[in-house]
Amino acid sequence: AIGLIATVAPMLGLLGTVVGMVGAFETIGLTDGVTHADELAGSISTALITTVMGLIVAIPTTAVFTFLRNRIDHFASEVAQITEDLAAHLESAGDDASGARKARTA
């Protein structure tokens, strides 16, 4: 879920940016190209705020996701190594037991 949030948040910010810019262009279109800065400011502000919010969510979420993924990868590597060591130990114990049985029967 964290990875999904980290991926989707910037997209939602971009969507808000596009919506804000569409609003700005609609304002220009409604006024036949003659606009004042204050008429565009609301739409441009919306565009920038949604971009910032998307990044505010995405950046720390990506950092947490990467940290947790690395911890899980390290843990999985340790489990694999312990499993290999255990398998080798059991195999050598089995070989020792077979050798002891053969020696007793001989």
N, C-alpha and C. Protein backbone atom coordinates (compact mmCIF):
# COMPACT_ATOMS: atom_id res chain seq x y z
N ALA A 1 0.82 -1.19 0.00
CA ALA A 1 0.00 0.00 0.00
C ALA A 1 0.87 1.25 0.00
N ILE A 2 1.99 1.22 0.71
CA ILE A 2 2.86 2.39 0.75
C ILE A 2 3.43 2.69 -0.62
N GLY A 3 3.84 1.65 -1.33
CA GLY A 3 4.37 1.84 -2.69
C GLY A 3 3.32 2.43 -3.61
N LEU A 4 2.09 1.99 -3.46
CA LEU A 4 1.00 2.52 -4.29
C LEU A 4 0.77 4.00 -4.00
N ILE A 5 0.77 4.37 -2.74
CA ILE A 5 0.59 5.77 -2.37
C ILE A 5 1.72 6.62 -2.93
N ALA A 6 2.95 6.12 -2.81
CA ALA A 6 4.11 6.85 -3.33
C ALA A 6 4.03 7.03 -4.83
N THR A 7 3.43 6.09 -5.52
CA THR A 7 3.30 6.17 -6.97
C THR A 7 2.14 7.07 -7.39
N VAL A 8 1.03 6.97 -6.68
CA VAL A 8 -0.19 7.69 -7.08
C VAL A 8 -0.16 9.16 -6.67
N ALA A 9 0.46 9.50 -5.57
CA ALA A 9 0.43 10.88 -5.07
C ALA A 9 0.93 11.90 -6.09
N PRO A 10 2.08 11.67 -6.74
CA PRO A 10 2.50 12.66 -7.73
C PRO A 10 1.54 12.75 -8.92
N MET A 11 0.93 11.62 -9.26
CA MET A 11 -0.04 11.64 -10.36
C MET A 11 -1.26 12.48 -10.00
N LEU A 12 -1.71 12.37 -8.76
CA LEU A 12 -2.84 13.19 -8.33
C LEU A 12 -2.44 14.67 -8.31
N GLY A 13 -1.21 14.94 -7.89
CA GLY A 13 -0.71 16.32 -7.95
C GLY A 13 -0.68 16.84 -9.37
N LEU A 14 -0.24 16.00 -10.28
CA LEU A 14 -0.21 16.39 -11.69
C LEU A 14 -1.63 16.61 -12.22
N LEU A 15 -2.55 15.76 -11.82
CA LEU A 15 -3.94 15.93 -12.23
C LEU A 15 -4.46 17.29 -11.76
N GLY A 16 -4.18 17.63 -10.52
CA GLY A 16 -4.59 18.94 -10.02
C GLY A 16 -3.94 20.08 -10.78
N THR A 17 -2.69 19.88 -11.17
CA THR A 17 -1.99 20.89 -11.96
C THR A 17 -2.69 21.09 -13.29
N VAL A 18 -3.03 20.00 -13.94
CA VAL A 18 -3.72 20.08 -15.23
C VAL A 18 -5.08 20.76 -15.06
N VAL A 19 -5.82 20.39 -14.03
CA VAL A 19 -7.14 21.01 -13.79
C VAL A 19 -6.97 22.51 -13.55
N GLY A 20 -5.99 22.88 -12.75
CA GLY A 20 -5.75 24.30 -12.49
C GLY A 20 -5.37 25.06 -13.75
N MET A 21 -4.54 24.47 -14.58
CA MET A 21 -4.13 25.13 -15.82
C MET A 21 -5.30 25.22 -16.80
N VAL A 22 -6.14 24.20 -16.84
CA VAL A 22 -7.34 24.27 -17.69
C VAL A 22 -8.20 25.44 -17.23
N GLY A 23 -8.34 25.60 -15.92
CA GLY A 23 -9.10 26.73 -15.39
C GLY A 23 -8.49 28.06 -15.80
N ALA A 24 -7.17 28.14 -15.78
CA ALA A 24 -6.50 29.37 -16.19
C ALA A 24 -6.76 29.67 -17.66
N PHE A 25 -6.67 28.65 -18.49
CA PHE A 25 -6.93 28.86 -19.92
C PHE A 25 -8.40 29.18 -20.19
N GLU A 26 -9.29 28.60 -19.41
CA GLU A 26 -10.71 28.95 -19.55
C GLU A 26 -10.94 30.42 -19.22
N THR A 27 -10.24 30.88 -18.19
CA THR A 27 -10.35 32.30 -17.83
C THR A 27 -9.87 33.18 -18.97
N ILE A 28 -8.77 32.80 -19.58
CA ILE A 28 -8.26 33.56 -20.73
C ILE A 28 -9.27 33.52 -21.87
N GLY A 29 -9.84 32.34 -22.13
CA GLY A 29 -10.81 32.19 -23.21
C GLY A 29 -12.08 32.99 -22.99
N LEU A 30 -12.54 33.05 -21.74
CA LEU A 30 -13.78 33.78 -21.45
C LEU A 30 -13.61 35.29 -21.56
N THR A 31 -12.39 35.75 -21.43
CA THR A 31 -12.15 37.20 -21.48
C THR A 31 -11.53 37.61 -22.81
N ASP A 32 -11.62 36.76 -23.81
CA ASP A 32 -11.07 37.04 -25.14
C ASP A 32 -9.59 37.39 -25.09
N GLY A 33 -8.87 36.73 -24.20
CA GLY A 33 -7.42 36.90 -24.12
C GLY A 33 -6.98 38.10 -23.31
N VAL A 34 -7.90 38.92 -22.86
CA VAL A 34 -7.54 40.10 -22.07
C VAL A 34 -7.85 39.77 -20.61
N THR A 35 -6.82 39.43 -19.86
CA THR A 35 -7.03 39.07 -18.45
C THR A 35 -6.06 39.85 -17.58
N HIS A 36 -6.39 39.89 -16.35
CA HIS A 36 -5.51 40.49 -15.35
C HIS A 36 -4.92 39.36 -14.53
N ALA A 37 -3.80 39.64 -13.92
CA ALA A 37 -3.11 38.61 -13.15
C ALA A 37 -3.99 38.02 -12.06
N ASP A 38 -4.79 38.84 -11.42
CA ASP A 38 -5.63 38.32 -10.33
C ASP A 38 -6.70 37.35 -10.83
N GLU A 39 -7.07 37.44 -12.10
CA GLU A 39 -8.05 36.51 -12.65
C GLU A 39 -7.43 35.13 -12.88
N LEU A 40 -6.14 35.10 -13.16
CA LEU A 40 -5.45 33.83 -13.38
C LEU A 40 -4.88 33.24 -12.10
N ALA A 41 -4.67 34.09 -11.11
CA ALA A 41 -3.97 33.67 -9.90
C ALA A 41 -4.64 32.49 -9.20
N GLY A 42 -5.96 32.48 -9.12
CA GLY A 42 -6.65 31.39 -8.43
C GLY A 42 -6.41 30.05 -9.08
N SER A 43 -6.50 30.00 -10.41
CA SER A 43 -6.29 28.73 -11.11
C SER A 43 -4.84 28.28 -11.04
N ILE A 44 -3.92 29.23 -11.19
CA ILE A 44 -2.50 28.87 -11.12
C ILE A 44 -2.14 28.45 -9.71
N SER A 45 -2.72 29.10 -8.72
CA SER A 45 -2.49 28.72 -7.32
C SER A 45 -2.98 27.30 -7.07
N THR A 46 -4.15 26.96 -7.59
CA THR A 46 -4.67 25.59 -7.47
C THR A 46 -3.71 24.60 -8.10
N ALA A 47 -3.20 24.95 -9.27
CA ALA A 47 -2.26 24.06 -9.96
C ALA A 47 -1.02 23.82 -9.12
N LEU A 48 -0.46 24.87 -8.57
CA LEU A 48 0.77 24.73 -7.79
C LEU A 48 0.54 24.04 -6.45
N ILE A 49 -0.56 24.34 -5.80
CA ILE A 49 -0.85 23.72 -4.50
C ILE A 49 -1.02 22.21 -4.65
N THR A 50 -1.72 21.77 -5.67
CA THR A 50 -1.91 20.33 -5.84
C THR A 50 -0.59 19.63 -6.17
N THR A 51 0.26 20.30 -6.92
CA THR A 51 1.58 19.72 -7.21
C THR A 51 2.38 19.58 -5.92
N VAL A 52 2.40 20.63 -5.12
CA VAL A 52 3.13 20.60 -3.85
C VAL A 52 2.58 19.51 -2.94
N MET A 53 1.27 19.41 -2.84
CA MET A 53 0.68 18.39 -1.96
C MET A 53 1.03 16.98 -2.43
N GLY A 54 1.00 16.77 -3.73
CA GLY A 54 1.39 15.46 -4.26
C GLY A 54 2.82 15.12 -3.89
N LEU A 55 3.71 16.10 -4.00
CA LEU A 55 5.12 15.87 -3.65
C LEU A 55 5.31 15.70 -2.15
N ILE A 56 4.56 16.45 -1.35
CA ILE A 56 4.65 16.32 0.10
C ILE A 56 4.28 14.91 0.54
N VAL A 57 3.32 14.31 -0.12
CA VAL A 57 2.94 12.94 0.20
C VAL A 57 3.94 11.95 -0.40
N ALA A 58 4.34 12.16 -1.64
CA ALA A 58 5.16 11.18 -2.36
C ALA A 58 6.57 11.05 -1.82
N ILE A 59 7.21 12.15 -1.49
CA ILE A 59 8.63 12.09 -1.11
C ILE A 59 8.84 11.28 0.17
N PRO A 60 8.17 11.59 1.29
CA PRO A 60 8.40 10.77 2.48
C PRO A 60 7.88 9.34 2.33
N THR A 61 6.79 9.17 1.59
CA THR A 61 6.25 7.83 1.40
C THR A 61 7.22 6.97 0.61
N THR A 62 7.84 7.55 -0.40
CA THR A 62 8.85 6.82 -1.17
C THR A 62 10.04 6.45 -0.29
N ALA A 63 10.46 7.37 0.56
CA ALA A 63 11.58 7.09 1.47
C ALA A 63 11.24 5.95 2.42
N VAL A 64 10.06 5.98 3.01
CA VAL A 64 9.64 4.91 3.93
C VAL A 64 9.52 3.58 3.19
N PHE A 65 8.93 3.61 2.00
CA PHE A 65 8.78 2.40 1.21
C PHE A 65 10.15 1.79 0.90
N THR A 66 11.09 2.62 0.47
CA THR A 66 12.43 2.12 0.15
C THR A 66 13.12 1.55 1.38
N PHE A 67 13.00 2.24 2.51
CA PHE A 67 13.59 1.75 3.76
C PHE A 67 13.01 0.38 4.14
N LEU A 68 11.69 0.27 4.11
CA LEU A 68 11.06 -1.00 4.49
C LEU A 68 11.39 -2.11 3.50
N ARG A 69 11.41 -1.79 2.21
CA ARG A 69 11.75 -2.81 1.21
C ARG A 69 13.18 -3.31 1.42
N ASN A 70 14.10 -2.41 1.72
CA ASN A 70 15.48 -2.82 1.97
C ASN A 70 15.58 -3.68 3.23
N ARG A 71 14.83 -3.33 4.27
CA ARG A 71 14.83 -4.15 5.49
C ARG A 71 14.30 -5.55 5.20
N ILE A 72 13.22 -5.63 4.44
CA ILE A 72 12.63 -6.93 4.09
C ILE A 72 13.61 -7.74 3.25
N ASP A 73 14.26 -7.10 2.28
CA ASP A 73 15.24 -7.80 1.44
C ASP A 73 16.39 -8.34 2.29
N HIS A 74 16.86 -7.53 3.25
CA HIS A 74 17.95 -7.97 4.13
C HIS A 74 17.49 -9.15 5.00
N PHE A 75 16.29 -9.06 5.54
CA PHE A 75 15.75 -10.14 6.36
C PHE A 75 15.60 -11.42 5.54
N ALA A 76 15.09 -11.31 4.33
CA ALA A 76 14.92 -12.48 3.46
C ALA A 76 16.27 -13.10 3.13
N SER A 77 17.29 -12.27 2.93
CA SER A 77 18.63 -12.78 2.66
C SER A 77 19.18 -13.54 3.87
N GLU A 78 18.95 -13.00 5.06
CA GLU A 78 19.40 -13.69 6.28
C GLU A 78 18.68 -15.02 6.46
N VAL A 79 17.38 -15.05 6.21
CA VAL A 79 16.61 -16.29 6.33
C VAL A 79 17.12 -17.32 5.33
N ALA A 80 17.41 -16.89 4.11
CA ALA A 80 17.93 -17.81 3.09
C ALA A 80 19.27 -18.39 3.52
N GLN A 81 20.14 -17.55 4.09
CA GLN A 81 21.45 -18.03 4.54
C GLN A 81 21.30 -19.01 5.69
N ILE A 82 20.44 -18.72 6.64
CA ILE A 82 20.20 -19.63 7.76
C ILE A 82 19.63 -20.95 7.26
N THR A 83 18.73 -20.89 6.29
CA THR A 83 18.14 -22.10 5.72
C THR A 83 19.20 -22.95 5.05
N GLU A 84 20.09 -22.31 4.28
CA GLU A 84 21.17 -23.05 3.62
C GLU A 84 22.10 -23.69 4.65
N ASP A 85 22.43 -22.93 5.70
CA ASP A 85 23.30 -23.47 6.75
C ASP A 85 22.64 -24.66 7.45
N LEU A 86 21.35 -24.55 7.74
CA LEU A 86 20.63 -25.64 8.39
C LEU A 86 20.58 -26.87 7.49
N ALA A 87 20.32 -26.67 6.20
CA ALA A 87 20.27 -27.80 5.26
C ALA A 87 21.62 -28.49 5.19
N ALA A 88 22.70 -27.71 5.15
CA ALA A 88 24.04 -28.30 5.11
C ALA A 88 24.33 -29.07 6.40
N HIS A 89 23.92 -28.51 7.53
CA HIS A 89 24.14 -29.17 8.82
C HIS A 89 23.35 -30.48 8.89
N LEU A 90 22.09 -30.46 8.46
CA LEU A 90 21.28 -31.68 8.48
C LEU A 90 21.83 -32.72 7.52
N GLU A 91 22.32 -32.29 6.39
CA GLU A 91 22.90 -33.22 5.42
C GLU A 91 24.15 -33.88 5.99
N SER A 92 25.00 -33.09 6.64
CA SER A 92 26.22 -33.69 7.20
C SER A 92 25.88 -34.59 8.39
N ALA A 93 24.85 -34.24 9.16
CA ALA A 93 24.43 -35.09 10.27
C ALA A 93 23.88 -36.41 9.74
N GLY A 94 23.16 -36.35 8.62
CA GLY A 94 22.63 -37.56 8.00
C GLY A 94 23.75 -38.44 7.48
N ASP A 95 24.79 -37.83 6.89
CA ASP A 95 25.94 -38.59 6.40
C ASP A 95 26.67 -39.26 7.56
N ASP A 96 26.81 -38.53 8.68
CA ASP A 96 27.49 -39.11 9.85
C ASP A 96 26.70 -40.28 10.40
N ALA A 97 25.38 -40.17 10.45
CA ALA A 97 24.54 -41.25 10.97
C ALA A 97 24.60 -42.46 10.05
N SER A 98 24.64 -42.26 8.74
CA SER A 98 24.75 -43.38 7.80
C SER A 98 26.08 -44.09 7.97
N GLY A 99 27.13 -43.32 8.15
CA GLY A 99 28.46 -43.92 8.35
C GLY A 99 28.52 -44.71 9.63
N ALA A 100 27.89 -44.23 10.69
CA ALA A 100 27.90 -44.94 11.96
C ALA A 100 27.11 -46.24 11.85
N ARG A 101 25.99 -46.24 11.12
CA ARG A 101 25.20 -47.47 10.94
C ARG A 101 25.98 -48.50 10.14
N LYS A 102 26.66 -48.04 9.11
CA LYS A 102 27.45 -48.97 8.30
C LYS A 102 28.58 -49.58 9.12
N ALA A 103 29.19 -48.78 9.98
CA ALA A 103 30.29 -49.29 10.80
C ALA A 103 29.78 -50.32 11.80
N ARG A 104 28.58 -50.13 12.34
CA ARG A 104 28.02 -51.08 13.30
C ARG A 104 27.63 -52.38 12.64
N THR A 105 27.17 -52.33 11.42
CA THR A 105 26.73 -53.55 10.75
C THR A 105 27.91 -54.33 10.19
N ALA A 106 29.04 -53.72 10.08
CA ALA A 106 30.19 -54.41 9.49
C ALA A 106 30.95 -55.22 10.48
